[in-house]
Protein backbone atom coordinates (compact mmCIF):
# COMPACT_ATOMS: atom_id res chain seq x y z
CA MET A 1 117.36 6.49 -49.73
CA LYS A 2 118.30 3.40 -51.73
CA ASN A 3 115.78 0.58 -52.25
CA ILE A 4 117.23 -2.87 -51.69
CA ALA A 5 115.42 -6.17 -52.37
CA VAL A 6 116.51 -8.89 -49.94
CA GLN A 7 115.46 -12.50 -50.26
CA ARG A 8 113.26 -13.71 -47.43
CA GLY A 9 115.24 -15.72 -44.88
CA LEU A 10 118.10 -13.23 -44.75
CA LYS A 11 116.69 -11.42 -41.73
CA PRO A 12 120.06 -10.35 -40.26
CA VAL A 13 120.91 -8.73 -43.60
CA SER A 14 117.52 -7.01 -43.83
CA GLU A 15 117.79 -5.65 -40.31
CA TYR A 16 121.38 -4.48 -40.76
CA LEU A 17 120.61 -2.68 -44.01
CA SER A 18 117.49 -1.08 -42.52
CA HIS A 19 119.51 0.25 -39.57
CA ALA A 20 122.12 1.54 -42.04
CA GLY A 21 119.48 3.70 -43.71
CA TYR A 22 118.40 1.57 -46.68
CA LYS A 23 114.77 0.92 -47.52
CA VAL A 24 114.55 -2.88 -47.53
CA PHE A 25 111.91 -5.01 -49.21
CA GLU A 26 111.86 -8.75 -48.63
CA PHE A 27 110.89 -11.10 -51.44
CA ASP A 28 110.54 -14.85 -51.79
CA SER A 29 111.50 -17.16 -54.61
CA ARG A 30 108.03 -17.01 -56.18
CA GLN A 31 108.12 -13.23 -56.43
CA LYS A 32 111.49 -13.12 -58.17
CA ASP A 33 109.87 -14.75 -61.21
CA ASP A 34 107.45 -11.82 -61.58
CA LYS A 35 108.97 -9.61 -64.28
CA ASP A 36 107.77 -6.37 -62.67
CA PHE A 37 108.53 -7.16 -59.02
CA LEU A 38 112.19 -6.19 -58.95
CA ASP A 39 111.81 -3.00 -61.00
CA GLY A 40 112.86 0.08 -59.08
CA PHE A 41 115.42 -1.55 -56.82
CA ASP A 42 118.99 -0.30 -56.58
CA ALA A 43 120.35 -3.75 -55.66
CA VAL A 44 119.13 -7.29 -55.07
CA VAL A 45 120.54 -9.51 -52.30
CA MET A 46 119.83 -13.21 -52.56
CA THR A 47 121.16 -16.71 -52.10
CA GLY A 48 121.19 -19.30 -54.84
CA MET A 49 122.32 -16.99 -57.63
CA ASP A 50 122.19 -19.88 -60.09
CA ASP A 51 118.45 -20.44 -59.47
CA ASN A 52 116.74 -18.74 -62.42
CA LEU A 53 119.17 -15.84 -62.34
CA LEU A 54 119.11 -15.52 -66.10
CA GLY A 55 115.37 -14.99 -66.01
CA ILE A 56 115.80 -12.14 -63.57
CA GLN A 57 118.66 -10.56 -65.49
CA ASP A 58 116.57 -10.50 -68.63
CA THR A 59 114.07 -8.23 -66.90
CA ILE A 60 116.43 -5.89 -65.03
CA ASN A 61 119.49 -4.19 -66.42
CA ASN A 62 122.17 -2.39 -64.43
CA VAL A 63 120.92 -3.62 -61.06
CA PRO A 64 123.63 -5.37 -59.04
CA PHE A 65 122.82 -8.86 -57.81
CA ILE A 66 124.68 -9.77 -54.64
CA GLU A 67 125.19 -13.39 -53.62
CA ALA A 68 124.78 -13.34 -49.84
CA ARG A 69 126.06 -16.84 -49.23
CA GLY A 70 129.20 -16.74 -47.06
CA MET A 71 129.04 -12.97 -46.49
CA THR A 72 128.33 -11.04 -43.32
CA PRO A 73 125.73 -8.25 -43.33
CA GLU A 74 128.61 -5.77 -43.12
CA GLU A 75 130.28 -7.26 -46.19
CA ILE A 76 126.99 -7.18 -48.09
CA LYS A 77 126.53 -3.48 -47.23
CA GLU A 78 130.08 -2.71 -48.41
CA THR A 79 129.43 -4.57 -51.67
CA ILE A 80 126.18 -2.67 -52.23
CA GLU A 81 127.93 0.65 -51.65
CA LYS A 82 130.71 -0.19 -54.10
CA ARG A 83 128.31 -1.32 -56.83
CA ILE A 84 125.74 1.50 -56.66
CA GLN A 85 128.05 4.50 -56.51
C-alpha cells in the first residue's frame, strides 16, 4: 500500500485516494515545514506549489510533488500512478 500525503482542504482527493487503496495522511501548511514530517511518503499532493516548495524539496528526494490545482481526483490518481511506478 502506498502512503500519500495530501494537504488538508483537499478532502475529495483524500477520499478518492483512500477508496482507491492508498493510505492517505492529511497535513497542513505548518506541518510541511517540519523536515521529518514528509519522510516515508510515496507522493505529496498539495496546492500552492510555489509556497516554500524549495524548503520541502531540500528535505525529500525522489518523492513526486503533485500540484492539485485544476485537477480532478481521478487525474491526481493517474499522475501518482505514473510517477511512482
